[in-house]
Amino acid sequence: MRSPKTFTIDKDILRYLAGTARDGSEGGRVNELLQEAIEREAYQRLEAEAAKFFAAPTRSARREMKSFQSAAIKSITRD
């Protein structure tokens, strides 16, 4: 669904749009470029999230893992 909006756009961008618009539809070209930018930003966020997830554990995270491992070993050997 499309909604009419009014934006101020730099002249350089307008020239670019005029030169790259297919079938003379600058609005369609703007939507296409914005959609590509949205997808690129989403991909970059996912990349950053993955990098953070797979990063080396911090010192506090290692302490937590060791504590958990120690508690698990005590629990297993108790039986």
N, C-alpha and C. Protein backbone atom coordinates (compact mmCIF):
# COMPACT_ATOMS: atom_id res chain seq x y z
N MET A 1 0.84 -1.17 0.00
CA MET A 1 0.00 0.00 0.00
C MET A 1 0.89 1.24 0.00
N ARG A 2 0.56 2.17 -0.79
CA ARG A 2 1.35 3.39 -0.89
C ARG A 2 0.58 4.55 -0.29
N SER A 3 1.33 5.44 0.36
CA SER A 3 0.75 6.64 0.94
C SER A 3 1.48 7.84 0.38
N PRO A 4 0.76 8.86 -0.01
CA PRO A 4 1.44 10.05 -0.53
C PRO A 4 2.12 10.81 0.60
N LYS A 5 3.38 11.15 0.39
CA LYS A 5 4.17 11.92 1.35
C LYS A 5 4.95 12.99 0.58
N THR A 6 5.37 13.99 1.29
CA THR A 6 6.17 15.05 0.69
C THR A 6 7.51 15.10 1.41
N PHE A 7 8.59 15.02 0.64
CA PHE A 7 9.94 15.09 1.20
C PHE A 7 10.74 16.10 0.40
N THR A 8 11.75 16.66 1.05
CA THR A 8 12.69 17.52 0.36
C THR A 8 13.90 16.69 -0.03
N ILE A 9 14.25 16.72 -1.32
CA ILE A 9 15.33 15.89 -1.83
C ILE A 9 16.37 16.79 -2.48
N ASP A 10 17.64 16.46 -2.26
CA ASP A 10 18.74 17.21 -2.88
C ASP A 10 18.64 17.17 -4.40
N LYS A 11 19.11 18.22 -5.03
CA LYS A 11 19.07 18.30 -6.49
C LYS A 11 19.90 17.20 -7.14
N ASP A 12 21.02 16.85 -6.53
CA ASP A 12 21.85 15.78 -7.08
C ASP A 12 21.09 14.46 -7.11
N ILE A 13 20.33 14.21 -6.08
CA ILE A 13 19.53 12.98 -6.02
C ILE A 13 18.43 13.02 -7.07
N LEU A 14 17.81 14.18 -7.25
CA LEU A 14 16.77 14.31 -8.27
C LEU A 14 17.34 14.05 -9.67
N ARG A 15 18.54 14.57 -9.93
CA ARG A 15 19.18 14.32 -11.22
C ARG A 15 19.45 12.83 -11.40
N TYR A 16 19.93 12.20 -10.35
CA TYR A 16 20.19 10.76 -10.40
C TYR A 16 18.90 10.00 -10.69
N LEU A 17 17.84 10.35 -9.99
CA LEU A 17 16.56 9.69 -10.20
C LEU A 17 16.06 9.86 -11.62
N ALA A 18 16.19 11.07 -12.14
CA ALA A 18 15.73 11.34 -13.50
C ALA A 18 16.51 10.50 -14.51
N GLY A 19 17.78 10.29 -14.24
CA GLY A 19 18.61 9.51 -15.15
C GLY A 19 18.45 8.01 -15.02
N THR A 20 17.95 7.54 -13.89
CA THR A 20 17.84 6.09 -13.67
C THR A 20 16.41 5.58 -13.59
N ALA A 21 15.44 6.47 -13.61
CA ALA A 21 14.04 6.05 -13.50
C ALA A 21 13.64 5.26 -14.74
N ARG A 22 13.03 4.13 -14.50
CA ARG A 22 12.53 3.30 -15.61
C ARG A 22 11.10 3.73 -15.92
N ASP A 23 10.79 3.81 -17.14
CA ASP A 23 9.44 4.19 -17.57
C ASP A 23 9.04 5.57 -17.05
N GLY A 24 10.02 6.42 -16.73
CA GLY A 24 9.73 7.77 -16.28
C GLY A 24 9.13 7.87 -14.90
N SER A 25 9.13 6.78 -14.14
CA SER A 25 8.54 6.79 -12.81
C SER A 25 9.60 7.03 -11.74
N GLU A 26 9.78 8.29 -11.41
CA GLU A 26 10.76 8.63 -10.38
C GLU A 26 10.31 8.14 -9.01
N GLY A 27 9.01 8.21 -8.74
CA GLY A 27 8.48 7.72 -7.47
C GLY A 27 8.74 6.24 -7.29
N GLY A 28 8.54 5.48 -8.37
CA GLY A 28 8.82 4.04 -8.32
C GLY A 28 10.29 3.77 -8.07
N ARG A 29 11.15 4.58 -8.69
CA ARG A 29 12.60 4.43 -8.51
C ARG A 29 12.98 4.76 -7.07
N VAL A 30 12.38 5.78 -6.48
CA VAL A 30 12.64 6.14 -5.09
C VAL A 30 12.24 4.98 -4.18
N ASN A 31 11.08 4.40 -4.42
CA ASN A 31 10.63 3.26 -3.61
C ASN A 31 11.60 2.09 -3.73
N GLU A 32 12.06 1.83 -4.95
CA GLU A 32 13.00 0.74 -5.19
C GLU A 32 14.31 0.97 -4.44
N LEU A 33 14.85 2.17 -4.53
CA LEU A 33 16.10 2.48 -3.84
C LEU A 33 15.95 2.43 -2.32
N LEU A 34 14.83 2.93 -1.82
CA LEU A 34 14.60 2.90 -0.38
C LEU A 34 14.45 1.46 0.12
N GLN A 35 13.77 0.63 -0.65
CA GLN A 35 13.61 -0.77 -0.25
C GLN A 35 14.97 -1.47 -0.20
N GLU A 36 15.82 -1.20 -1.18
CA GLU A 36 17.17 -1.77 -1.19
C GLU A 36 17.96 -1.30 0.03
N ALA A 37 17.83 -0.03 0.37
CA ALA A 37 18.54 0.52 1.53
C ALA A 37 18.04 -0.11 2.83
N ILE A 38 16.74 -0.31 2.92
CA ILE A 38 16.15 -0.94 4.11
C ILE A 38 16.68 -2.37 4.26
N GLU A 39 16.71 -3.11 3.16
CA GLU A 39 17.22 -4.48 3.20
C GLU A 39 18.70 -4.51 3.57
N ARG A 40 19.48 -3.57 3.05
CA ARG A 40 20.91 -3.51 3.35
C ARG A 40 21.13 -3.21 4.83
N GLU A 41 20.35 -2.29 5.39
CA GLU A 41 20.47 -1.98 6.82
C GLU A 41 20.09 -3.17 7.68
N ALA A 42 19.04 -3.87 7.29
CA ALA A 42 18.63 -5.06 8.05
C ALA A 42 19.73 -6.11 8.02
N TYR A 43 20.35 -6.31 6.86
CA TYR A 43 21.44 -7.26 6.74
C TYR A 43 22.63 -6.84 7.60
N GLN A 44 22.94 -5.55 7.61
CA GLN A 44 24.05 -5.06 8.44
C GLN A 44 23.76 -5.27 9.92
N ARG A 45 22.51 -5.07 10.35
CA ARG A 45 22.15 -5.31 11.75
C ARG A 45 22.31 -6.79 12.09
N LEU A 46 21.88 -7.66 11.18
CA LEU A 46 22.03 -9.09 11.41
C LEU A 46 23.50 -9.49 11.49
N GLU A 47 24.32 -8.91 10.61
CA GLU A 47 25.76 -9.18 10.65
C GLU A 47 26.36 -8.75 11.98
N ALA A 48 25.99 -7.58 12.45
CA ALA A 48 26.51 -7.08 13.73
C ALA A 48 26.06 -7.96 14.88
N GLU A 49 24.81 -8.40 14.84
CA GLU A 49 24.27 -9.28 15.88
C GLU A 49 25.01 -10.62 15.88
N ALA A 50 25.26 -11.16 14.68
CA ALA A 50 25.98 -12.43 14.58
C ALA A 50 27.42 -12.27 15.07
N ALA A 51 28.06 -11.18 14.72
CA ALA A 51 29.43 -10.95 15.16
C ALA A 51 29.49 -10.86 16.69
N LYS A 52 28.52 -10.19 17.28
CA LYS A 52 28.47 -10.07 18.74
C LYS A 52 28.22 -11.45 19.37
N PHE A 53 27.33 -12.24 18.76
CA PHE A 53 27.00 -13.56 19.30
C PHE A 53 28.20 -14.50 19.25
N PHE A 54 28.95 -14.46 18.14
CA PHE A 54 30.07 -15.37 17.96
C PHE A 54 31.40 -14.80 18.44
N ALA A 55 31.38 -13.64 19.03
CA ALA A 55 32.61 -13.03 19.54
C ALA A 55 33.15 -13.86 20.70
N ALA A 56 34.42 -13.70 20.96
CA ALA A 56 35.04 -14.41 22.08
C ALA A 56 34.35 -14.01 23.38
N PRO A 57 34.15 -14.99 24.27
CA PRO A 57 33.46 -14.66 25.52
C PRO A 57 34.25 -13.65 26.36
N THR A 58 33.52 -12.83 27.05
CA THR A 58 34.15 -11.84 27.93
C THR A 58 34.63 -12.52 29.19
N ARG A 59 35.40 -11.82 29.97
CA ARG A 59 35.93 -12.37 31.22
C ARG A 59 34.79 -12.78 32.17
N SER A 60 33.77 -11.95 32.28
CA SER A 60 32.66 -12.28 33.16
C SER A 60 31.88 -13.49 32.64
N ALA A 61 31.77 -13.60 31.32
CA ALA A 61 31.07 -14.76 30.75
C ALA A 61 31.85 -16.04 31.02
N ARG A 62 33.18 -15.96 30.95
CA ARG A 62 34.00 -17.14 31.26
C ARG A 62 33.84 -17.54 32.72
N ARG A 63 33.79 -16.56 33.61
CA ARG A 63 33.58 -16.87 35.04
C ARG A 63 32.25 -17.56 35.24
N GLU A 64 31.21 -17.06 34.56
CA GLU A 64 29.89 -17.67 34.67
C GLU A 64 29.91 -19.11 34.15
N MET A 65 30.59 -19.33 33.01
CA MET A 65 30.67 -20.69 32.46
C MET A 65 31.39 -21.63 33.43
N LYS A 66 32.51 -21.16 34.02
CA LYS A 66 33.25 -21.99 34.97
C LYS A 66 32.41 -22.30 36.20
N SER A 67 31.67 -21.32 36.67
CA SER A 67 30.80 -21.53 37.83
C SER A 67 29.73 -22.56 37.50
N PHE A 68 29.15 -22.44 36.33
CA PHE A 68 28.11 -23.38 35.90
C PHE A 68 28.71 -24.79 35.77
N GLN A 69 29.89 -24.88 35.18
CA GLN A 69 30.53 -26.19 35.01
C GLN A 69 30.85 -26.81 36.36
N SER A 70 31.36 -26.02 37.28
CA SER A 70 31.67 -26.52 38.62
C SER A 70 30.41 -27.03 39.32
N ALA A 71 29.34 -26.26 39.24
CA ALA A 71 28.08 -26.66 39.86
C ALA A 71 27.54 -27.94 39.21
N ALA A 72 27.67 -28.05 37.90
CA ALA A 72 27.19 -29.24 37.19
C ALA A 72 28.00 -30.46 37.60
N ILE A 73 29.30 -30.32 37.71
CA ILE A 73 30.15 -31.43 38.12
C ILE A 73 29.81 -31.87 39.54
N LYS A 74 29.63 -30.90 40.45
CA LYS A 74 29.24 -31.24 41.83
C LYS A 74 27.91 -31.97 41.85
N SER A 75 26.97 -31.52 41.04
CA SER A 75 25.65 -32.14 41.00
C SER A 75 25.74 -33.58 40.47
N ILE A 76 26.56 -33.79 39.46
CA ILE A 76 26.68 -35.13 38.87
C ILE A 76 27.41 -36.08 39.81
N THR A 77 28.47 -35.61 40.43
CA THR A 77 29.27 -36.49 41.31
C THR A 77 28.60 -36.71 42.65
N ARG A 78 27.61 -35.96 43.00
CA ARG A 78 26.91 -36.10 44.27
C ARG A 78 26.09 -37.39 44.31
N ASP A 79 25.61 -37.81 43.16
CA ASP A 79 24.74 -39.01 43.12
C ASP A 79 25.51 -40.25 43.24
